C-alpha cells in the first residue's frame, strides 16, 4: 500500500521529553513525542477516554500520561498501561535529512 510522508518539524525542534501536535486533517491529530532517551514516537493525539490532547501530557519512561485524567499510554504499542482495553493508534516515524516524518498509509490519510 502506498505511504504518505507527513513532515512534522526539524529534528532539532523537538526537545527530549516533549510532544508536539500535528494536524493531519480536520478532526485528526497525531502526537509526536521524543522520550528523554531520544526515541521518537507517533500516536493518535486524542485520549480515547475524553479526547484530551496527549501531546500536552508528560512523558514518563516510554509512556505518555493524559493531562486530563492521568491515563497512560505506551508510546510503542499505543495500549493503556493502567488497565486493559483502551488504546491509541501508533504510526511509523522516520528521520530524513534532519526532519521528522510520520508515515501514513494512503488509506489512513484519505479518511
PDB file of N, CA and C in Angstrom:
ATOM      1  N   UNK A   1       0.851  -1.175   0.000  1.00  0.00           N
ATOM      2  CA  UNK A   1       0.000   0.000   0.000  1.00  0.00           C
ATOM      3  C   UNK A   1       0.901   1.244   0.000  1.00  0.00           C
ATOM      4  N   UNK A   2       0.589   2.228  -0.819  1.00  0.00           N
ATOM      5  CA  UNK A   2       1.398   3.460  -0.861  1.00  0.00           C
ATOM      6  C   UNK A   2       1.382   4.193   0.479  1.00  0.00           C
ATOM      7  N   UNK A   3       2.467   4.898   0.745  1.00  0.00           N
ATOM      8  CA  UNK A   3       2.639   5.611   2.001  1.00  0.00           C
ATOM      9  C   UNK A   3       2.827   7.094   1.745  1.00  0.00           C
ATOM     10  N   UNK A   4       2.211   7.919   2.593  1.00  0.00           N
ATOM     11  CA  UNK A   4       2.403   9.358   2.576  1.00  0.00           C
ATOM     12  C   UNK A   4       3.340   9.720   3.717  1.00  0.00           C
ATOM     13  N   UNK A   5       4.343  10.533   3.433  1.00  0.00           N
ATOM     14  CA  UNK A   5       5.244  11.024   4.480  1.00  0.00           C
ATOM     15  C   UNK A   5       4.786  12.420   4.878  1.00  0.00           C
ATOM     16  N   UNK A   6       4.359  12.539   6.117  1.00  0.00           N
ATOM     17  CA  UNK A   6       3.885  13.818   6.644  1.00  0.00           C
ATOM     18  C   UNK A   6       5.021  14.454   7.436  1.00  0.00           C
ATOM     19  N   UNK A   7       5.545  15.581   6.944  1.00  0.00           N
ATOM     20  CA  UNK A   7       6.649  16.246   7.637  1.00  0.00           C
ATOM     21  C   UNK A   7       6.135  16.940   8.887  1.00  0.00           C
ATOM     22  N   UNK A   8       6.811  16.674  10.012  1.00  0.00           N
ATOM     23  CA  UNK A   8       6.402  17.205  11.303  1.00  0.00           C
ATOM     24  C   UNK A   8       7.162  18.479  11.626  1.00  0.00           C
ATOM     25  N   UNK A   9       8.480  18.382  11.683  1.00  0.00           N
ATOM     26  CA  UNK A   9       9.333  19.512  12.042  1.00  0.00           C
ATOM     27  C   UNK A   9      10.777  19.089  11.873  1.00  0.00           C
ATOM     28  N   UNK A  10      11.671  20.037  12.028  1.00  0.00           N
ATOM     29  CA  UNK A  10      13.089  19.706  12.063  1.00  0.00           C
ATOM     30  C   UNK A  10      13.355  18.893  13.323  1.00  0.00           C
ATOM     31  N   UNK A  11      14.242  17.932  13.235  1.00  0.00           N
ATOM     32  CA  UNK A  11      14.551  17.081  14.384  1.00  0.00           C
ATOM     33  C   UNK A  11      14.993  17.917  15.585  1.00  0.00           C
ATOM     34  N   UNK A  12      15.710  18.993  15.337  1.00  0.00           N
ATOM     35  CA  UNK A  12      16.207  19.851  16.417  1.00  0.00           C
ATOM     36  C   UNK A  12      15.097  20.636  17.125  1.00  0.00           C
ATOM     37  N   UNK A  13      13.896  20.696  16.539  1.00  0.00           N
ATOM     38  CA  UNK A  13      12.785  21.449  17.127  1.00  0.00           C
ATOM     39  C   UNK A  13      11.961  20.651  18.136  1.00  0.00           C
ATOM     40  N   UNK A  14      12.250  19.361  18.292  1.00  0.00           N
ATOM     41  CA  UNK A  14      11.505  18.535  19.245  1.00  0.00           C
ATOM     42  C   UNK A  14      12.465  18.091  20.346  1.00  0.00           C
ATOM     43  N   UNK A  15      12.385  18.772  21.468  1.00  0.00           N
ATOM     44  CA  UNK A  15      13.294  18.521  22.588  1.00  0.00           C
ATOM     45  C   UNK A  15      12.963  17.200  23.271  1.00  0.00           C
ATOM     46  N   UNK A  16      13.946  16.620  23.918  1.00  0.00           N
ATOM     47  CA  UNK A  16      13.752  15.392  24.681  1.00  0.00           C
ATOM     48  C   UNK A  16      12.715  15.622  25.768  1.00  0.00           C
ATOM     49  N   UNK A  17      11.824  14.641  25.946  1.00  0.00           N
ATOM     50  CA  UNK A  17      10.800  14.723  26.978  1.00  0.00           C
ATOM     51  C   UNK A  17       9.604  15.572  26.611  1.00  0.00           C
ATOM     52  N   UNK A  18       9.409  15.853  25.310  1.00  0.00           N
ATOM     53  CA  UNK A  18       8.291  16.703  24.886  1.00  0.00           C
ATOM     54  C   UNK A  18       7.476  16.039  23.779  1.00  0.00           C
ATOM     55  N   UNK A  19       6.286  16.607  23.557  1.00  0.00           N
ATOM     56  CA  UNK A  19       5.414  16.172  22.475  1.00  0.00           C
ATOM     57  C   UNK A  19       4.994  17.355  21.637  1.00  0.00           C
ATOM     58  N   UNK A  20       4.527  17.060  20.444  1.00  0.00           N
ATOM     59  CA  UNK A  20       4.083  18.101  19.512  1.00  0.00           C
ATOM     60  C   UNK A  20       2.830  17.618  18.791  1.00  0.00           C
ATOM     61  N   UNK A  21       1.892  18.505  18.617  1.00  0.00           N
ATOM     62  CA  UNK A  21       0.644  18.227  17.898  1.00  0.00           C
ATOM     63  C   UNK A  21       0.868  18.433  16.406  1.00  0.00           C
ATOM     64  N   UNK A  22       0.340  17.478  15.607  1.00  0.00           N
ATOM     65  CA  UNK A  22       0.404  17.583  14.158  1.00  0.00           C
ATOM     66  C   UNK A  22      -1.006  17.380  13.613  1.00  0.00           C
ATOM     67  N   UNK A  23      -1.512  18.367  12.895  1.00  0.00           N
ATOM     68  CA  UNK A  23      -2.832  18.266  12.285  1.00  0.00           C
ATOM     69  C   UNK A  23      -2.685  17.531  10.955  1.00  0.00           C
ATOM     70  N   UNK A  24      -3.330  16.370  10.845  1.00  0.00           N
ATOM     71  CA  UNK A  24      -3.297  15.607   9.598  1.00  0.00           C
ATOM     72  C   UNK A  24      -4.376  16.142   8.674  1.00  0.00           C
ATOM     73  N   UNK A  25      -5.567  16.287   9.221  1.00  0.00           N
ATOM     74  CA  UNK A  25      -6.708  16.877   8.524  1.00  0.00           C
ATOM     75  C   UNK A  25      -7.713  17.247   9.603  1.00  0.00           C
ATOM     76  N   UNK A  26      -8.708  18.058   9.293  1.00  0.00           N
ATOM     77  CA  UNK A  26      -9.668  18.443  10.333  1.00  0.00           C
ATOM     78  C   UNK A  26     -10.237  17.218  11.051  1.00  0.00           C
ATOM     79  N   UNK A  27     -10.165  17.241  12.370  1.00  0.00           N
ATOM     80  CA  UNK A  27     -10.665  16.139  13.175  1.00  0.00           C
ATOM     81  C   UNK A  27      -9.675  15.019  13.430  1.00  0.00           C
ATOM     82  N   UNK A  28      -8.474  15.130  12.883  1.00  0.00           N
ATOM     83  CA  UNK A  28      -7.481  14.066  13.074  1.00  0.00           C
ATOM     84  C   UNK A  28      -6.116  14.689  13.363  1.00  0.00           C
ATOM     85  N   UNK A  29      -5.653  14.468  14.593  1.00  0.00           N
ATOM     86  CA  UNK A  29      -4.343  14.946  15.017  1.00  0.00           C
ATOM     87  C   UNK A  29      -3.488  13.768  15.458  1.00  0.00           C
ATOM     88  N   UNK A  30      -2.201  13.909  15.244  1.00  0.00           N
ATOM     89  CA  UNK A  30      -1.221  12.932  15.717  1.00  0.00           C
ATOM     90  C   UNK A  30      -0.308  13.651  16.697  1.00  0.00           C
ATOM     91  N   UNK A  31       0.060  12.962  17.758  1.00  0.00           N
ATOM     92  CA  UNK A  31       1.052  13.480  18.693  1.00  0.00           C
ATOM     93  C   UNK A  31       2.398  12.847  18.372  1.00  0.00           C
ATOM     94  N   UNK A  32       3.415  13.670  18.246  1.00  0.00           N
ATOM     95  CA  UNK A  32       4.771  13.183  18.003  1.00  0.00           C
ATOM     96  C   UNK A  32       5.581  13.490  19.248  1.00  0.00           C
ATOM     97  N   UNK A  33       6.296  12.488  19.743  1.00  0.00           N
ATOM     98  CA  UNK A  33       6.978  12.579  21.026  1.00  0.00           C
ATOM     99  C   UNK A  33       8.442  12.182  20.910  1.00  0.00           C
ATOM    100  N   UNK A  34       9.277  12.814  21.735  1.00  0.00           N
ATOM    101  CA  UNK A  34      10.669  12.390  21.900  1.00  0.00           C
ATOM    102  C   UNK A  34      10.848  12.083  23.388  1.00  0.00           C
ATOM    103  N   UNK A  35      11.215  10.838  23.685  1.00  0.00           N
ATOM    104  CA  UNK A  35      11.446  10.469  25.080  1.00  0.00           C
ATOM    105  C   UNK A  35      12.724  11.139  25.571  1.00  0.00           C
ATOM    106  N   UNK A  36      12.935  11.093  26.861  1.00  0.00           N
ATOM    107  CA  UNK A  36      14.153  11.671  27.432  1.00  0.00           C
ATOM    108  C   UNK A  36      15.404  10.970  26.906  1.00  0.00           C
ATOM    109  N   UNK A  37      15.239   9.711  26.493  1.00  0.00           N
ATOM    110  CA  UNK A  37      16.358   8.959  25.921  1.00  0.00           C
ATOM    111  C   UNK A  37      16.568   9.276  24.440  1.00  0.00           C
ATOM    112  N   UNK A  38      15.642  10.037  23.850  1.00  0.00           N
ATOM    113  CA  UNK A  38      15.787  10.457  22.458  1.00  0.00           C
ATOM    114  C   UNK A  38      14.974   9.685  21.445  1.00  0.00           C
ATOM    115  N   UNK A  39      14.250   8.638  21.864  1.00  0.00           N
ATOM    116  CA  UNK A  39      13.445   7.859  20.922  1.00  0.00           C
ATOM    117  C   UNK A  39      12.248   8.675  20.435  1.00  0.00           C
ATOM    118  N   UNK A  40      11.913   8.531  19.163  1.00  0.00           N
ATOM    119  CA  UNK A  40      10.796   9.244  18.554  1.00  0.00           C
ATOM    120  C   UNK A  40       9.610   8.307  18.378  1.00  0.00           C
ATOM    121  N   UNK A  41       8.405   8.834  18.635  1.00  0.00           N
ATOM    122  CA  UNK A  41       7.177   8.049  18.523  1.00  0.00           C
ATOM    123  C   UNK A  41       6.057   8.932  17.992  1.00  0.00           C
ATOM    124  N   UNK A  42       5.076   8.288  17.333  1.00  0.00           N
ATOM    125  CA  UNK A  42       3.891   8.997  16.842  1.00  0.00           C
ATOM    126  C   UNK A  42       2.654   8.156  17.151  1.00  0.00           C
ATOM    127  N   UNK A  43       1.640   8.794  17.773  1.00  0.00           N
ATOM    128  CA  UNK A  43       0.383   8.126  18.114  1.00  0.00           C
ATOM    129  C   UNK A  43      -0.763   9.101  17.872  1.00  0.00           C
ATOM    130  N   UNK A  44      -1.998   8.562  17.838  1.00  0.00           N
ATOM    131  CA  UNK A  44      -3.156   9.458  17.786  1.00  0.00           C
ATOM    132  C   UNK A  44      -3.074  10.403  18.979  1.00  0.00           C
ATOM    133  N   UNK A  45      -3.414  11.649  18.764  1.00  0.00           N
ATOM    134  CA  UNK A  45      -3.242  12.657  19.803  1.00  0.00           C
ATOM    135  C   UNK A  45      -4.389  12.726  20.798  1.00  0.00           C
ATOM    136  N   UNK A  46      -5.540  12.166  20.469  1.00  0.00           N
ATOM    137  CA  UNK A  46      -6.703  12.258  21.354  1.00  0.00           C
ATOM    138  C   UNK A  46      -6.788  11.051  22.281  1.00  0.00           C
ATOM    139  N   UNK A  47      -6.873  11.304  23.565  1.00  0.00           N
ATOM    140  CA  UNK A  47      -7.077  10.236  24.537  1.00  0.00           C
ATOM    141  C   UNK A  47      -8.439   9.597  24.250  1.00  0.00           C
ATOM    142  N   UNK A  48      -8.525   8.268  24.197  1.00  0.00           N
ATOM    143  CA  UNK A  48      -9.817   7.636  23.900  1.00  0.00           C
ATOM    144  C   UNK A  48     -10.846   7.786  25.020  1.00  0.00           C
ATOM    145  N   UNK A  49     -10.425   8.222  26.178  1.00  0.00           N
ATOM    146  CA  UNK A  49     -11.346   8.393  27.311  1.00  0.00           C
ATOM    147  C   UNK A  49     -12.183   9.658  27.158  1.00  0.00           C
ATOM    148  N   UNK A  50     -11.523  10.805  27.019  1.00  0.00           N
ATOM    149  CA  UNK A  50     -12.261  12.070  26.956  1.00  0.00           C
ATOM    150  C   UNK A  50     -11.745  13.012  25.869  1.00  0.00           C
ATOM    151  N   UNK A  51     -10.864  12.508  24.995  1.00  0.00           N
ATOM    152  CA  UNK A  51     -10.394  13.310  23.873  1.00  0.00           C
ATOM    153  C   UNK A  51      -9.321  14.333  24.188  1.00  0.00           C
ATOM    154  N   UNK A  52      -8.749  14.287  25.383  1.00  0.00           N
ATOM    155  CA  UNK A  52      -7.720  15.268  25.760  1.00  0.00           C
ATOM    156  C   UNK A  52      -6.508  15.140  24.840  1.00  0.00           C
ATOM    157  N   UNK A  53      -5.818  16.248  24.567  1.00  0.00           N
ATOM    158  CA  UNK A  53      -4.646  16.219  23.688  1.00  0.00           C
ATOM    159  C   UNK A  53      -3.437  15.598  24.399  1.00  0.00           C
ATOM    160  N   UNK A  54      -3.056  14.415  23.968  1.00  0.00           N
ATOM    161  CA  UNK A  54      -1.974  13.693  24.626  1.00  0.00           C
ATOM    162  C   UNK A  54      -0.633  14.408  24.517  1.00  0.00           C
ATOM    163  N   UNK A  55      -0.431  15.211  23.477  1.00  0.00           N
ATOM    164  CA  UNK A  55       0.869  15.886  23.332  1.00  0.00           C
ATOM    165  C   UNK A  55       1.153  16.847  24.486  1.00  0.00           C
ATOM    166  N   UNK A  56       0.116  17.226  25.229  1.00  0.00           N
ATOM    167  CA  UNK A  56       0.297  18.115  26.388  1.00  0.00           C
ATOM    168  C   UNK A  56       0.653  17.358  27.663  1.00  0.00           C
ATOM    169  N   UNK A  57       0.609  16.036  27.610  1.00  0.00           N
ATOM    170  CA  UNK A  57       0.878  15.243  28.800  1.00  0.00           C
ATOM    171  C   UNK A  57       2.364  14.967  28.988  1.00  0.00           C
ATOM    172  N   UNK A  58       2.756  14.663  30.225  1.00  0.00           N
ATOM    173  CA  UNK A  58       4.157  14.338  30.490  1.00  0.00           C
ATOM    174  C   UNK A  58       4.515  12.957  29.950  1.00  0.00           C
ATOM    175  N   UNK A  59       5.780  12.812  29.599  1.00  0.00           N
ATOM    176  CA  UNK A  59       6.307  11.523  29.174  1.00  0.00           C
ATOM    177  C   UNK A  59       7.000  10.911  30.377  1.00  0.00           C
ATOM    178  N   UNK A  60       6.562   9.711  30.743  1.00  0.00           N
ATOM    179  CA  UNK A  60       7.128   9.005  31.888  1.00  0.00           C
ATOM    180  C   UNK A  60       7.647   7.670  31.378  1.00  0.00           C
ATOM    181  N   UNK A  61       8.958   7.546  31.327  1.00  0.00           N
ATOM    182  CA  UNK A  61       9.545   6.345  30.729  1.00  0.00           C
ATOM    183  C   UNK A  61       9.160   6.276  29.274  1.00  0.00           C
ATOM    184  N   UNK A  62       8.504   5.182  28.870  1.00  0.00           N
ATOM    185  CA  UNK A  62       8.060   5.018  27.489  1.00  0.00           C
ATOM    186  C   UNK A  62       6.586   5.273  27.304  1.00  0.00           C
ATOM    187  N   UNK A  63       5.956   5.970  28.269  1.00  0.00           N
ATOM    188  CA  UNK A  63       4.518   6.256  28.204  1.00  0.00           C
ATOM    189  C   UNK A  63       4.263   7.755  28.169  1.00  0.00           C
ATOM    190  N   UNK A  64       3.109   8.117  27.609  1.00  0.00           N
ATOM    191  CA  UNK A  64       2.627   9.486  27.749  1.00  0.00           C
ATOM    192  C   UNK A  64       1.406   9.423  28.660  1.00  0.00           C
ATOM    193  N   UNK A  65       1.294  10.397  29.557  1.00  0.00           N
ATOM    194  CA  UNK A  65       0.205  10.438  30.530  1.00  0.00           C
ATOM    195  C   UNK A  65      -0.789  11.505  30.096  1.00  0.00           C
ATOM    196  N   UNK A  66      -2.053  11.112  29.984  1.00  0.00           N
ATOM    197  CA  UNK A  66      -3.103  12.056  29.598  1.00  0.00           C
ATOM    198  C   UNK A  66      -3.157  13.193  30.617  1.00  0.00           C
ATOM    199  N   UNK A  67      -3.139  14.441  30.149  1.00  0.00           N
ATOM    200  CA  UNK A  67      -3.151  15.564  31.079  1.00  0.00           C
ATOM    201  C   UNK A  67      -4.504  15.783  31.773  1.00  0.00           C
ATOM    202  N   UNK A  68      -5.542  15.120  31.311  1.00  0.00           N
ATOM    203  CA  UNK A  68      -6.872  15.342  31.878  1.00  0.00           C
ATOM    204  C   UNK A  68      -7.213  14.357  33.002  1.00  0.00           C
ATOM    205  N   UNK A  69      -7.092  13.069  32.732  1.00  0.00           N
ATOM    206  CA  UNK A  69      -7.484  12.068  33.728  1.00  0.00           C
ATOM    207  C   UNK A  69      -6.366  11.092  34.083  1.00  0.00           C
ATOM    208  N   UNK A  70      -5.158  11.356  33.645  1.00  0.00           N
ATOM    209  CA  UNK A  70      -3.958  10.620  34.029  1.00  0.00           C
ATOM    210  C   UNK A  70      -3.895   9.181  33.537  1.00  0.00           C
ATOM    211  N   UNK A  71      -4.658   8.845  32.494  1.00  0.00           N
ATOM    212  CA  UNK A  71      -4.476   7.540  31.870  1.00  0.00           C
ATOM    213  C   UNK A  71      -3.126   7.586  31.165  1.00  0.00           C
ATOM    214  N   UNK A  72      -2.391   6.488  31.149  1.00  0.00           N
ATOM    215  CA  UNK A  72      -1.107   6.478  30.453  1.00  0.00           C
ATOM    216  C   UNK A  72      -1.148   5.469  29.308  1.00  0.00           C
ATOM    217  N   UNK A  73      -0.426   5.826  28.236  1.00  0.00           N
ATOM    218  CA  UNK A  73      -0.401   5.010  27.028  1.00  0.00           C
ATOM    219  C   UNK A  73       1.035   4.775  26.599  1.00  0.00           C
ATOM    220  N   UNK A  74       1.316   3.522  26.223  1.00  0.00           N
ATOM    221  CA  UNK A  74       2.642   3.181  25.720  1.00  0.00           C
ATOM    222  C   UNK A  74       2.866   3.888  24.388  1.00  0.00           C
ATOM    223  N   UNK A  75       3.987   4.571  24.266  1.00  0.00           N
ATOM    224  CA  UNK A  75       4.312   5.238  23.006  1.00  0.00           C
ATOM    225  C   UNK A  75       4.716   4.228  21.936  1.00  0.00           C
ATOM    226  N   UNK A  76       5.050   3.016  22.338  1.00  0.00           N
ATOM    227  CA  UNK A  76       5.454   1.970  21.398  1.00  0.00           C
ATOM    228  C   UNK A  76       4.268   1.164  20.877  1.00  0.00           C
ATOM    229  N   UNK A  77       3.351   0.795  21.786  1.00  0.00           N
ATOM    230  CA  UNK A  77       2.236  -0.071  21.391  1.00  0.00           C
ATOM    231  C   UNK A  77       0.904   0.654  21.286  1.00  0.00           C
ATOM    232  N   UNK A  78       0.770   1.806  21.947  1.00  0.00           N
ATOM    233  CA  UNK A  78      -0.489   2.547  21.981  1.00  0.00           C
ATOM    234  C   UNK A  78      -1.460   2.047  23.029  1.00  0.00           C
ATOM    235  N   UNK A  79      -1.113   0.974  23.736  1.00  0.00           N
ATOM    236  CA  UNK A  79      -2.025   0.394  24.736  1.00  0.00           C
ATOM    237  C   UNK A  79      -1.987   1.173  26.046  1.00  0.00           C
ATOM    238  N   UNK A  80      -3.141   1.230  26.701  1.00  0.00           N
ATOM    239  CA  UNK A  80      -3.225   1.834  28.021  1.00  0.00           C
ATOM    240  C   UNK A  80      -2.399   0.969  28.972  1.00  0.00           C
ATOM    241  N   UNK A  81      -1.564   1.603  29.776  1.00  0.00           N
ATOM    242  CA  UNK A  81      -0.698   0.850  30.680  1.00  0.00           C
ATOM    243  C   UNK A  81      -1.267   0.763  32.092  1.00  0.00           C
ATOM    244  N   UNK A  82      -2.449   1.317  32.319  1.00  0.00           N
ATOM    245  CA  UNK A  82      -3.089   1.243  33.637  1.00  0.00           C
ATOM    246  C   UNK A  82      -4.030   0.043  33.747  1.00  0.00           C
ATOM    247  N   UNK A  83      -4.721  -0.264  32.647  1.00  0.00           N
ATOM    248  CA  UNK A  83      -5.656  -1.388  32.627  1.00  0.00           C
ATOM    249  C   UNK A  83      -5.882  -1.773  31.177  1.00  0.00           C
ATOM    250  N   UNK A  84      -6.450  -2.940  30.983  1.00  0.00           N
ATOM    251  CA  UNK A  84      -6.656  -3.468  29.643  1.00  0.00           C
ATOM    252  C   UNK A  84      -7.848  -2.799  28.966  1.00  0.00           C
ATOM    253  N   UNK A  85      -7.737  -2.588  27.687  1.00  0.00           N
ATOM    254  CA  UNK A  85      -8.878  -2.071  26.933  1.00  0.00           C
ATOM    255  C   UNK A  85      -8.521  -0.955  25.979  1.00  0.00           C
ATOM    256  N   UNK A  86      -8.528   0.292  26.460  1.00  0.00           N
ATOM    257  CA  UNK A  86      -8.362   1.402  25.523  1.00  0.00           C
ATOM    258  C   UNK A  86      -6.945   1.467  24.953  1.00  0.00           C
ATOM    259  N   UNK A  87      -6.872   1.916  23.724  1.00  0.00           N
ATOM    260  CA  UNK A  87      -5.566   2.136  23.101  1.00  0.00           C
ATOM    261  C   UNK A  87      -5.694   3.194  22.014  1.00  0.00           C
ATOM    262  N   UNK A  88      -4.549   3.691  21.598  1.00  0.00           N
ATOM    263  CA  UNK A  88      -4.488   4.670  20.518  1.00  0.00           C
ATOM    264  C   UNK A  88      -3.656   4.090  19.385  1.00  0.00           C
ATOM    265  N   UNK A  89      -3.909   4.572  18.196  1.00  0.00           N
ATOM    266  CA  UNK A  89      -3.167   4.117  17.009  1.00  0.00           C
ATOM    267  C   UNK A  89      -1.719   4.599  17.092  1.00  0.00           C
ATOM    268  N   UNK A  90      -0.806   3.744  16.654  1.00  0.00           N
ATOM    269  CA  UNK A  90       0.621   4.060  16.598  1.00  0.00           C
ATOM    270  C   UNK A  90       1.014   4.161  15.123  1.00  0.00           C
ATOM    271  N   UNK A  91       1.856   5.128  14.808  1.00  0.00           N
ATOM    272  CA  UNK A  91       2.273   5.337  13.420  1.00  0.00           C
ATOM    273  C   UNK A  91       3.789   5.244  13.308  1.00  0.00           C
ATOM    274  N   UNK A  92       4.274   4.696  12.181  1.00  0.00           N
ATOM    275  CA  UNK A  92       5.718   4.671  11.961  1.00  0.00           C
ATOM    276  C   UNK A  92       6.252   6.099  11.819  1.00  0.00           C
ATOM    277  N   UNK A  93       7.497   6.251  12.196  1.00  0.00           N
ATOM    278  CA  UNK A  93       8.136   7.560  12.152  1.00  0.00           C
ATOM    279  C   UNK A  93       9.549   7.377  11.624  1.00  0.00           C
ATOM    280  N   UNK A  94      10.045   8.372  10.922  1.00  0.00           N
ATOM    281  CA  UNK A  94      11.422   8.306  10.440  1.00  0.00           C
ATOM    282  C   UNK A  94      12.029   9.701  10.416  1.00  0.00           C
ATOM    283  N   UNK A  95      13.341   9.727  10.400  1.00  0.00           N
ATOM    284  CA  UNK A  95      14.079  10.980  10.284  1.00  0.00           C
ATOM    285  C   UNK A  95      14.849  10.921   8.971  1.00  0.00           C
ATOM    286  N   UNK A  96      14.740  11.990   8.191  1.00  0.00           N
ATOM    287  CA  UNK A  96      15.421  12.065   6.902  1.00  0.00           C
ATOM    288  C   UNK A  96      15.915  13.490   6.700  1.00  0.00           C
ATOM    289  N   UNK A  97      17.193  13.631   6.468  1.00  0.00           N
ATOM    290  CA  UNK A  97      17.815  14.936   6.206  1.00  0.00           C
ATOM    291  C   UNK A  97      17.494  15.949   7.302  1.00  0.00           C
ATOM    292  N   UNK A  98      17.435  15.471   8.566  1.00  0.00           N
ATOM    293  CA  UNK A  98      17.222  16.364   9.690  1.00  0.00           C
ATOM    294  C   UNK A  98      15.771  16.697   9.995  1.00  0.00           C
ATOM    295  N   UNK A  99      14.814  16.081   9.271  1.00  0.00           N
ATOM    296  CA  UNK A  99      13.392  16.324   9.502  1.00  0.00           C
ATOM    297  C   UNK A  99      12.706  15.054   9.978  1.00  0.00           C
ATOM    298  N   UNK A 100      11.715  15.224  10.849  1.00  0.00           N
ATOM    299  CA  UNK A 100      10.914  14.120  11.366  1.00  0.00           C
ATOM    300  C   UNK A 100       9.682  13.964  10.470  1.00  0.00           C
ATOM    301  N   UNK A 101       9.401  12.727  10.078  1.00  0.00           N
ATOM    302  CA  UNK A 101       8.232  12.410   9.255  1.00  0.00           C
ATOM    303  C   UNK A 101       7.406  11.327   9.931  1.00  0.00           C
ATOM    304  N   UNK A 102       6.072  11.449   9.841  1.00  0.00           N
ATOM    305  CA  UNK A 102       5.155  10.378  10.222  1.00  0.00           C
ATOM    306  C   UNK A 102       4.736   9.712   8.925  1.00  0.00           C
ATOM    307  N   UNK A 103       4.728   8.379   8.913  1.00  0.00           N
ATOM    308  CA  UNK A 103       4.358   7.635   7.731  1.00  0.00           C
ATOM    309  C   UNK A 103       2.913   7.175   7.856  1.00  0.00           C
ATOM    310  N   UNK A 104       2.102   7.560   6.884  1.00  0.00           N
ATOM    311  CA  UNK A 104       0.681   7.225   6.870  1.00  0.00           C
ATOM    312  C   UNK A 104       0.366   6.421   5.629  1.00  0.00           C
ATOM    313  N   UNK A 105      -0.347   5.322   5.801  1.00  0.00           N
ATOM    314  CA  UNK A 105      -0.809   4.576   4.636  1.00  0.00           C
ATOM    315  C   UNK A 105      -1.829   5.447   3.917  1.00  0.00           C
ATOM    316  N   UNK A 106      -1.827   5.399   2.595  1.00  0.00           N
ATOM    317  CA  UNK A 106      -2.736   6.236   1.787  1.00  0.00           C
ATOM    318  C   UNK A 106      -4.174   6.093   2.254  1.00  0.00           C
ATOM    319  N   UNK A 107      -4.589   4.890   2.613  1.00  0.00           N
ATOM    320  CA  UNK A 107      -5.943   4.642   3.085  1.00  0.00           C
ATOM    321  C   UNK A 107      -6.242   5.456   4.337  1.00  0.00           C
ATOM    322  N   UNK A 108      -5.282   5.524   5.283  1.00  0.00           N
ATOM    323  CA  UNK A 108      -5.456   6.301   6.513  1.00  0.00           C
ATOM    324  C   UNK A 108      -5.520   7.789   6.205  1.00  0.00           C
ATOM    325  N   UNK A 109      -4.660   8.257   5.325  1.00  0.00           N
ATOM    326  CA  UNK A 109      -4.562   9.683   5.027  1.00  0.00           C
ATOM    327  C   UNK A 109      -5.818  10.201   4.336  1.00  0.00           C
ATOM    328  N   UNK A 110      -6.549   9.310   3.654  1.00  0.00           N
ATOM    329  CA  UNK A 110      -7.765   9.736   2.934  1.00  0.00           C
ATOM    330  C   UNK A 110      -9.004   9.766   3.823  1.00  0.00           C
ATOM    331  N   UNK A 111      -8.943   9.159   5.009  1.00  0.00           N
ATOM    332  CA  UNK A 111     -10.117   9.087   5.879  1.00  0.00           C
ATOM    333  C   UNK A 111     -10.484  10.429   6.442  1.00  0.00           C
TER     334      UNK A 111
END
